[in-house]
Amino acid sequence: MTQQFYVSPEQLMKDRADFARKGIARGRSVVVISCADGIALVAENPSPSLHKIGEIYDKIAFAAVGKYNEFESLRQAGVRYADVRGYSYDREDVTARGLASVYAQSLGAVFTAEQKPFEVELAVAEVGPTQAEDHLYRLTFDGSIADEHSFVVMGGQAEKVSSAIGEGWQSSLGFADAVRLALKGLTPAQEGDQPAAPLPPGALEVAVLDRVSENSRGTRRAFRRLNDADITALLA
């Protein structure tokens, strides 16, 4: 009978964390920005059908980076949780904080108990009646949860993108300005003095959580996905 090599729990967790971080860093970045008009979600994603950004419930959206099959299963589980809770109790009882807690438990259980951790990083955003009441939660592969303010950047060169967005973020930004700021952070820097080439609309995935959807569109559902024509018109 062969005997397995002993690996300390500390080393095992470190190896799992390093494995997950490398997988997440290989993905393209996603930016979530709170602004005056609501919350803008922008991702570098050339695929027209494999979405990184999605709707969870009336005022709640989901964004992710990493392995598509893993974060898509989490998104679907979040939709089921929100539907059941809203039907069993009240629609107001479905909150981003509750959803983020469920995601944190799931990610933490997989990280500690399964052989391979999820190579994903998530953001859960809930738009409020005012900007001060917006909620942005960031969840990492090990189940850690952070209550973010102003904006969230995940995946790819997150530090560089976050630095660029932090320099230009203001609470008075509208949707168009927020998307422009996100594009500025996502656009890779060119060598020398050449200006950076902006990403085309076809390489982007953009959605918004409209703060006044009940007044402007007559619906509680604040989530709205923008197509290429909408993105071009918004930036124009």
C-alpha atoms as a PDB file:
ATOM      1  CA  MET A   1       0.000   0.000   0.000  1.00  0.00           C
ATOM      2  CA  THR A   2       1.514   3.313  -1.054  1.00  0.00           C
ATOM      3  CA  GLN A   3       1.635   6.143   1.460  1.00  0.00           C
ATOM      4  CA  GLN A   4       0.755   9.663   0.377  1.00  0.00           C
ATOM      5  CA  PHE A   5       3.230  12.491   0.863  1.00  0.00           C
ATOM      6  CA  TYR A   6       2.390  14.781   3.765  1.00  0.00           C
ATOM      7  CA  VAL A   7       1.523  18.373   2.855  1.00  0.00           C
ATOM      8  CA  SER A   8       0.896  20.888   5.617  1.00  0.00           C
ATOM      9  CA  PRO A   9      -2.540  22.577   5.643  1.00  0.00           C
ATOM     10  CA  GLU A  10      -0.858  25.972   5.253  1.00  0.00           C
ATOM     11  CA  GLN A  11       1.002  24.878   2.121  1.00  0.00           C
ATOM     12  CA  LEU A  12      -2.095  23.199   0.701  1.00  0.00           C
ATOM     13  CA  MET A  13      -4.189  26.363   1.078  1.00  0.00           C
ATOM     14  CA  LYS A  14      -1.388  28.500  -0.350  1.00  0.00           C
ATOM     15  CA  ASP A  15      -1.109  26.256  -3.418  1.00  0.00           C
ATOM     16  CA  ARG A  16      -4.859  26.378  -3.965  1.00  0.00           C
ATOM     17  CA  ALA A  17      -4.889  30.161  -3.640  1.00  0.00           C
ATOM     18  CA  ASP A  18      -1.987  30.562  -6.087  1.00  0.00           C
ATOM     19  CA  PHE A  19      -3.706  28.245  -8.564  1.00  0.00           C
ATOM     20  CA  ALA A  20      -6.947  30.232  -8.422  1.00  0.00           C
ATOM     21  CA  ARG A  21      -5.206  33.625  -8.685  1.00  0.00           C
ATOM     22  CA  LYS A  22      -3.320  32.577 -11.811  1.00  0.00           C
ATOM     23  CA  GLY A  23      -6.515  31.402 -13.479  1.00  0.00           C
ATOM     24  CA  ILE A  24      -8.338  34.649 -12.659  1.00  0.00           C
ATOM     25  CA  ALA A  25      -5.445  36.855 -13.811  1.00  0.00           C
ATOM     26  CA  ARG A  26      -5.525  35.237 -17.265  1.00  0.00           C
ATOM     27  CA  GLY A  27      -9.035  36.589 -17.864  1.00  0.00           C
ATOM     28  CA  ARG A  28      -9.973  40.012 -19.179  1.00  0.00           C
ATOM     29  CA  SER A  29     -10.967  42.677 -16.687  1.00  0.00           C
ATOM     30  CA  VAL A  30     -14.465  43.638 -15.557  1.00  0.00           C
ATOM     31  CA  VAL A  31     -15.339  47.049 -14.103  1.00  0.00           C
ATOM     32  CA  VAL A  32     -18.382  47.961 -11.990  1.00  0.00           C
ATOM     33  CA  ILE A  33     -18.840  51.695 -11.324  1.00  0.00           C
ATOM     34  CA  SER A  34     -21.402  53.450  -9.130  1.00  0.00           C
ATOM     35  CA  CYS A  35     -22.451  56.767 -10.682  1.00  0.00           C
ATOM     36  CA  ALA A  36     -25.185  59.384 -10.443  1.00  0.00           C
ATOM     37  CA  ASP A  37     -27.506  57.587 -12.894  1.00  0.00           C
ATOM     38  CA  GLY A  38     -27.083  54.145 -11.311  1.00  0.00           C
ATOM     39  CA  ILE A  39     -24.421  51.454 -11.707  1.00  0.00           C
ATOM     40  CA  ALA A  40     -22.479  50.778 -14.914  1.00  0.00           C
ATOM     41  CA  LEU A  41     -20.988  47.338 -15.599  1.00  0.00           C
ATOM     42  CA  VAL A  42     -18.343  47.104 -18.318  1.00  0.00           C
ATOM     43  CA  ALA A  43     -16.344  44.060 -19.403  1.00  0.00           C
ATOM     44  CA  GLU A  44     -13.867  43.365 -22.157  1.00  0.00           C
ATOM     45  CA  ASN A  45     -15.661  40.463 -23.808  1.00  0.00           C
ATOM     46  CA  PRO A  46     -15.777  39.829 -27.568  1.00  0.00           C
ATOM     47  CA  SER A  47     -18.291  36.971 -27.244  1.00  0.00           C
ATOM     48  CA  PRO A  48     -21.897  37.992 -28.045  1.00  0.00           C
ATOM     49  CA  SER A  49     -23.437  35.124 -26.055  1.00  0.00           C
ATOM     50  CA  LEU A  50     -21.055  34.035 -23.261  1.00  0.00           C
ATOM     51  CA  HIS A  51     -21.827  36.859 -20.876  1.00  0.00           C
ATOM     52  CA  LYS A  52     -19.728  37.946 -17.908  1.00  0.00           C
ATOM     53  CA  ILE A  53     -22.470  40.309 -16.737  1.00  0.00           C
ATOM     54  CA  GLY A  54     -26.033  39.314 -15.944  1.00  0.00           C
ATOM     55  CA  GLU A  55     -29.240  40.167 -14.127  1.00  0.00           C
ATOM     56  CA  ILE A  56     -30.084  38.460 -10.851  1.00  0.00           C
ATOM     57  CA  TYR A  57     -33.215  40.274  -9.660  1.00  0.00           C
ATOM     58  CA  ASP A  58     -35.067  43.594  -9.842  1.00  0.00           C
ATOM     59  CA  LYS A  59     -32.236  45.859  -8.692  1.00  0.00           C
ATOM     60  CA  ILE A  60     -29.361  43.368  -8.536  1.00  0.00           C
ATOM     61  CA  ALA A  61     -26.731  42.494 -11.138  1.00  0.00           C
ATOM     62  CA  PHE A  62     -23.860  40.027 -11.267  1.00  0.00           C
ATOM     63  CA  ALA A  63     -20.406  40.313 -12.838  1.00  0.00           C
ATOM     64  CA  ALA A  64     -17.605  37.770 -12.882  1.00  0.00           C
ATOM     65  CA  VAL A  65     -14.183  36.865 -14.237  1.00  0.00           C
ATOM     66  CA  GLY A  66     -12.517  33.469 -14.495  1.00  0.00           C
ATOM     67  CA  LYS A  67     -13.785  30.149 -15.836  1.00  0.00           C
ATOM     68  CA  TYR A  68     -17.117  30.580 -17.583  1.00  0.00           C
ATOM     69  CA  ASN A  69     -18.658  27.244 -16.586  1.00  0.00           C
ATOM     70  CA  GLU A  70     -17.910  27.896 -12.912  1.00  0.00           C
ATOM     71  CA  PHE A  71     -19.233  31.436 -12.606  1.00  0.00           C
ATOM     72  CA  GLU A  72     -22.225  30.651 -14.830  1.00  0.00           C
ATOM     73  CA  SER A  73     -23.287  27.902 -12.429  1.00  0.00           C
ATOM     74  CA  LEU A  74     -23.003  30.410  -9.577  1.00  0.00           C
ATOM     75  CA  ARG A  75     -25.063  32.973 -11.490  1.00  0.00           C
ATOM     76  CA  GLN A  76     -27.836  30.449 -12.107  1.00  0.00           C
ATOM     77  CA  ALA A  77     -27.811  29.427  -8.443  1.00  0.00           C
ATOM     78  CA  GLY A  78     -28.126  33.100  -7.488  1.00  0.00           C
ATOM     79  CA  VAL A  79     -31.139  33.557  -9.760  1.00  0.00           C
ATOM     80  CA  ARG A  80     -32.839  30.521  -8.200  1.00  0.00           C
ATOM     81  CA  TYR A  81     -32.099  31.791  -4.682  1.00  0.00           C
ATOM     82  CA  ALA A  82     -33.506  35.233  -5.492  1.00  0.00           C
ATOM     83  CA  ASP A  83     -36.641  33.847  -7.149  1.00  0.00           C
ATOM     84  CA  VAL A  84     -37.439  31.483  -4.279  1.00  0.00           C
ATOM     85  CA  ARG A  85     -36.813  34.091  -1.602  1.00  0.00           C
ATOM     86  CA  GLY A  86     -38.807  36.772  -3.397  1.00  0.00           C
ATOM     87  CA  TYR A  87     -41.716  34.392  -3.963  1.00  0.00           C
ATOM     88  CA  SER A  88     -41.673  32.945  -0.417  1.00  0.00           C
ATOM     89  CA  TYR A  89     -41.373  36.270   1.410  1.00  0.00           C
ATOM     90  CA  ASP A  90     -41.337  39.599  -0.404  1.00  0.00           C
ATOM     91  CA  ARG A  91     -39.436  41.095  -3.319  1.00  0.00           C
ATOM     92  CA  GLU A  92     -37.868  43.628  -0.952  1.00  0.00           C
ATOM     93  CA  ASP A  93     -36.301  40.746   1.017  1.00  0.00           C
ATOM     94  CA  VAL A  94     -34.014  39.902  -1.907  1.00  0.00           C
ATOM     95  CA  THR A  95     -30.847  41.942  -1.276  1.00  0.00           C
ATOM     96  CA  ALA A  96     -27.310  41.992  -2.598  1.00  0.00           C
ATOM     97  CA  ARG A  97     -25.989  41.394   0.907  1.00  0.00           C
ATOM     98  CA  GLY A  98     -28.013  38.189   1.276  1.00  0.00           C
ATOM     99  CA  LEU A  99     -26.960  36.976  -2.157  1.00  0.00           C
ATOM    100  CA  ALA A 100     -23.303  37.799  -1.485  1.00  0.00           C
ATOM    101  CA  SER A 101     -23.453  35.830   1.786  1.00  0.00           C
ATOM    102  CA  VAL A 102     -24.782  32.769  -0.060  1.00  0.00           C
ATOM    103  CA  TYR A 103     -22.034  33.065  -2.673  1.00  0.00           C
ATOM    104  CA  ALA A 104     -19.391  33.451   0.046  1.00  0.00           C
ATOM    105  CA  GLN A 105     -20.532  30.248   1.747  1.00  0.00           C
ATOM    106  CA  SER A 106     -20.493  28.322  -1.531  1.00  0.00           C
ATOM    107  CA  LEU A 107     -17.054  29.570  -2.592  1.00  0.00           C
ATOM    108  CA  GLY A 108     -15.604  28.961   0.880  1.00  0.00           C
ATOM    109  CA  ALA A 109     -16.946  25.401   0.980  1.00  0.00           C
ATOM    110  CA  VAL A 110     -15.479  24.582  -2.439  1.00  0.00           C
ATOM    111  CA  PHE A 111     -12.125  26.155  -1.556  1.00  0.00           C
ATOM    112  CA  THR A 112     -11.681  24.165   1.666  1.00  0.00           C
ATOM    113  CA  ALA A 113     -13.363  20.856   0.834  1.00  0.00           C
ATOM    114  CA  GLU A 114     -12.922  20.248  -2.901  1.00  0.00           C
ATOM    115  CA  GLN A 115      -9.726  19.205  -4.632  1.00  0.00           C
ATOM    116  CA  LYS A 116      -9.770  22.190  -7.008  1.00  0.00           C
ATOM    117  CA  PRO A 117     -10.991  25.674  -6.029  1.00  0.00           C
ATOM    118  CA  PHE A 118     -13.193  27.779  -8.294  1.00  0.00           C
ATOM    119  CA  GLU A 119     -11.120  30.030 -10.548  1.00  0.00           C
ATOM    120  CA  VAL A 120     -13.583  32.903 -10.286  1.00  0.00           C
ATOM    121  CA  GLU A 121     -14.021  36.335  -8.790  1.00  0.00           C
ATOM    122  CA  LEU A 122     -17.484  37.833  -8.441  1.00  0.00           C
ATOM    123  CA  ALA A 123     -19.144  41.194  -7.942  1.00  0.00           C
ATOM    124  CA  VAL A 124     -22.731  41.631  -6.784  1.00  0.00           C
ATOM    125  CA  ALA A 125     -24.194  45.110  -7.325  1.00  0.00           C
ATOM    126  CA  GLU A 126     -27.479  46.542  -6.066  1.00  0.00           C
ATOM    127  CA  VAL A 127     -28.673  49.975  -7.141  1.00  0.00           C
ATOM    128  CA  GLY A 128     -30.423  52.085  -4.521  1.00  0.00           C
ATOM    129  CA  PRO A 129     -32.730  55.117  -4.608  1.00  0.00           C
ATOM    130  CA  THR A 130     -29.654  57.308  -4.025  1.00  0.00           C
ATOM    131  CA  GLN A 131     -25.985  56.777  -4.742  1.00  0.00           C
ATOM    132  CA  ALA A 132     -25.240  56.518  -1.025  1.00  0.00           C
ATOM    133  CA  GLU A 133     -27.546  53.476  -0.913  1.00  0.00           C
ATOM    134  CA  ASP A 134     -25.792  51.577  -3.712  1.00  0.00           C
ATOM    135  CA  HIS A 135     -24.186  48.308  -2.629  1.00  0.00           C
ATOM    136  CA  LEU A 136     -21.122  46.737  -4.257  1.00  0.00           C
ATOM    137  CA  TYR A 137     -19.796  43.421  -2.950  1.00  0.00           C
ATOM    138  CA  ARG A 138     -16.673  41.698  -4.178  1.00  0.00           C
ATOM    139  CA  LEU A 139     -16.166  37.974  -3.590  1.00  0.00           C
ATOM    140  CA  THR A 140     -12.937  36.086  -4.135  1.00  0.00           C
ATOM    141  CA  PHE A 141     -12.284  32.414  -4.843  1.00  0.00           C
ATOM    142  CA  ASP A 142     -11.851  31.510  -1.148  1.00  0.00           C
ATOM    143  CA  GLY A 143     -15.190  32.954  -0.041  1.00  0.00           C
ATOM    144  CA  SER A 144     -13.826  36.255   1.237  1.00  0.00           C
ATOM    145  CA  ILE A 145     -16.331  39.080   0.893  1.00  0.00           C
ATOM    146  CA  ALA A 146     -15.632  42.822   0.801  1.00  0.00           C
ATOM    147  CA  ASP A 147     -18.040  45.742   0.845  1.00  0.00           C
ATOM    148  CA  GLU A 148     -16.648  48.044  -1.843  1.00  0.00           C
ATOM    149  CA  HIS A 149     -17.389  51.701  -2.502  1.00  0.00           C
ATOM    150  CA  SER A 150     -17.437  53.709  -5.744  1.00  0.00           C
ATOM    151  CA  PHE A 151     -16.150  50.971  -8.072  1.00  0.00           C
ATOM    152  CA  VAL A 152     -14.900  47.394  -8.352  1.00  0.00           C
ATOM    153  CA  VAL A 153     -12.239  46.051 -10.752  1.00  0.00           C
ATOM    154  CA  MET A 154     -11.613  42.328 -11.203  1.00  0.00           C
ATOM    155  CA  GLY A 155      -9.421  40.102 -13.341  1.00  0.00           C
ATOM    156  CA  GLY A 156      -6.596  40.817 -15.792  1.00  0.00           C
ATOM    157  CA  GLN A 157      -4.379  43.725 -14.773  1.00  0.00           C
ATOM    158  CA  ALA A 158      -6.765  44.761 -12.021  1.00  0.00           C
ATOM    159  CA  GLU A 159      -4.283  47.005 -10.198  1.00  0.00           C
ATOM    160  CA  LYS A 160      -3.498  49.132 -13.271  1.00  0.00           C
ATOM    161  CA  VAL A 161      -7.161  49.397 -14.268  1.00  0.00           C
ATOM    162  CA  SER A 162      -8.185  50.259 -10.707  1.00  0.00           C
ATOM    163  CA  SER A 163      -5.520  52.966 -10.498  1.00  0.00           C
ATOM    164  CA  ALA A 164      -6.673  54.567 -13.764  1.00  0.00           C
ATOM    165  CA  ILE A 165     -10.326  54.534 -12.708  1.00  0.00           C
ATOM    166  CA  GLY A 166      -9.552  55.814  -9.211  1.00  0.00           C
ATOM    167  CA  GLU A 167      -7.916  58.910 -10.701  1.00  0.00           C
ATOM    168  CA  GLY A 168     -10.994  59.841 -12.726  1.00  0.00           C
ATOM    169  CA  TRP A 169     -13.915  58.650 -10.601  1.00  0.00           C
ATOM    170  CA  GLN A 170     -16.389  61.246  -9.322  1.00  0.00           C
ATOM    171  CA  SER A 171     -19.778  60.755  -7.733  1.00  0.00           C
ATOM    172  CA  SER A 172     -21.363  63.066 -10.347  1.00  0.00           C
ATOM    173  CA  LEU A 173     -20.523  60.791 -13.305  1.00  0.00           C
ATOM    174  CA  GLY A 174     -23.398  59.810 -15.600  1.00  0.00           C
ATOM    175  CA  PHE A 175     -23.649  56.507 -17.444  1.00  0.00           C
ATOM    176  CA  ALA A 176     -21.778  57.785 -20.509  1.00  0.00           C
ATOM    177  CA  ASP A 177     -18.932  59.231 -18.434  1.00  0.00           C
ATOM    178  CA  ALA A 178     -18.732  56.079 -16.303  1.00  0.00           C
ATOM    179  CA  VAL A 179     -18.461  53.872 -19.406  1.00  0.00           C
ATOM    180  CA  ARG A 180     -15.806  56.180 -20.896  1.00  0.00           C
ATOM    181  CA  LEU A 181     -13.838  55.989 -17.647  1.00  0.00           C
ATOM    182  CA  ALA A 182     -14.082  52.197 -17.633  1.00  0.00           C
ATOM    183  CA  LEU A 183     -12.873  52.070 -21.264  1.00  0.00           C
ATOM    184  CA  LYS A 184      -9.953  54.320 -20.376  1.00  0.00           C
ATOM    185  CA  GLY A 185      -8.906  51.851 -17.688  1.00  0.00           C
ATOM    186  CA  LEU A 186      -9.470  48.782 -19.862  1.00  0.00           C
ATOM    187  CA  THR A 187      -7.606  50.151 -22.909  1.00  0.00           C
ATOM    188  CA  PRO A 188      -4.048  48.769 -22.862  1.00  0.00           C
ATOM    189  CA  ALA A 189      -1.271  51.337 -22.872  1.00  0.00           C
ATOM    190  CA  GLN A 190       0.799  51.639 -26.055  1.00  0.00           C
ATOM    191  CA  GLU A 191       4.568  51.784 -26.208  1.00  0.00           C
ATOM    192  CA  GLY A 192       6.164  55.178 -26.686  1.00  0.00           C
ATOM    193  CA  ASP A 193       4.037  58.251 -27.264  1.00  0.00           C
ATOM    194  CA  GLN A 194       1.421  56.554 -29.423  1.00  0.00           C
ATOM    195  CA  PRO A 195      -2.158  57.120 -28.194  1.00  0.00           C
ATOM    196  CA  ALA A 196      -3.959  54.058 -26.919  1.00  0.00           C
ATOM    197  CA  ALA A 197      -6.372  52.513 -29.416  1.00  0.00           C
ATOM    198  CA  PRO A 198      -9.888  52.418 -27.901  1.00  0.00           C
ATOM    199  CA  LEU A 199     -11.691  49.105 -27.704  1.00  0.00           C
ATOM    200  CA  PRO A 200     -14.438  48.740 -30.357  1.00  0.00           C
ATOM    201  CA  PRO A 201     -18.046  48.220 -29.216  1.00  0.00           C
ATOM    202  CA  GLY A 202     -17.897  44.646 -30.522  1.00  0.00           C
ATOM    203  CA  ALA A 203     -15.187  43.820 -27.993  1.00  0.00           C
ATOM    204  CA  LEU A 204     -17.209  45.123 -25.061  1.00  0.00           C
ATOM    205  CA  GLU A 205     -20.039  43.929 -22.876  1.00  0.00           C
ATOM    206  CA  VAL A 206     -21.896  46.806 -21.219  1.00  0.00           C
ATOM    207  CA  ALA A 207     -24.935  46.842 -18.955  1.00  0.00           C
ATOM    208  CA  VAL A 208     -26.451  49.325 -16.527  1.00  0.00           C
ATOM    209  CA  LEU A 209     -28.622  49.288 -13.434  1.00  0.00           C
ATOM    210  CA  ASP A 210     -30.921  52.271 -13.933  1.00  0.00           C
ATOM    211  CA  ARG A 211     -31.623  54.140 -10.705  1.00  0.00           C
ATOM    212  CA  VAL A 212     -34.971  55.515 -11.929  1.00  0.00           C
ATOM    213  CA  SER A 213     -36.185  52.572 -14.009  1.00  0.00           C
ATOM    214  CA  GLU A 214     -39.664  52.725 -12.470  1.00  0.00           C
ATOM    215  CA  ASN A 215     -40.085  56.303 -13.668  1.00  0.00           C
ATOM    216  CA  SER A 216     -38.205  56.157 -16.965  1.00  0.00           C
ATOM    217  CA  ARG A 217     -39.210  52.674 -18.174  1.00  0.00           C
ATOM    218  CA  GLY A 218     -42.149  51.799 -15.919  1.00  0.00           C
ATOM    219  CA  THR A 219     -40.576  48.647 -14.482  1.00  0.00           C
ATOM    220  CA  ARG A 220     -38.891  47.545 -11.253  1.00  0.00           C
ATOM    221  CA  ARG A 221     -36.264  45.718 -13.297  1.00  0.00           C
ATOM    222  CA  ALA A 222     -33.352  48.134 -13.354  1.00  0.00           C
ATOM    223  CA  PHE A 223     -30.998  45.949 -15.435  1.00  0.00           C
ATOM    224  CA  ARG A 224     -30.522  46.869 -19.079  1.00  0.00           C
ATOM    225  CA  ARG A 225     -27.992  45.327 -21.465  1.00  0.00           C
ATOM    226  CA  LEU A 226     -26.569  47.560 -24.209  1.00  0.00           C
ATOM    227  CA  ASN A 227     -25.932  46.312 -27.738  1.00  0.00           C
ATOM    228  CA  ASP A 228     -23.240  47.683 -30.077  1.00  0.00           C
ATOM    229  CA  ALA A 229     -25.523  50.443 -31.396  1.00  0.00           C
ATOM    230  CA  ASP A 230     -26.480  51.476 -27.855  1.00  0.00           C
ATOM    231  CA  ILE A 231     -22.816  51.630 -26.794  1.00  0.00           C
ATOM    232  CA  THR A 232     -21.901  53.743 -29.830  1.00  0.00           C
ATOM    233  CA  ALA A 233     -24.809  56.119 -29.179  1.00  0.00           C
ATOM    234  CA  LEU A 234     -23.984  56.370 -25.479  1.00  0.00           C
ATOM    235  CA  LEU A 235     -20.337  57.220 -26.110  1.00  0.00           C
ATOM    236  CA  ALA A 236     -21.234  59.681 -28.869  1.00  0.00           C
END
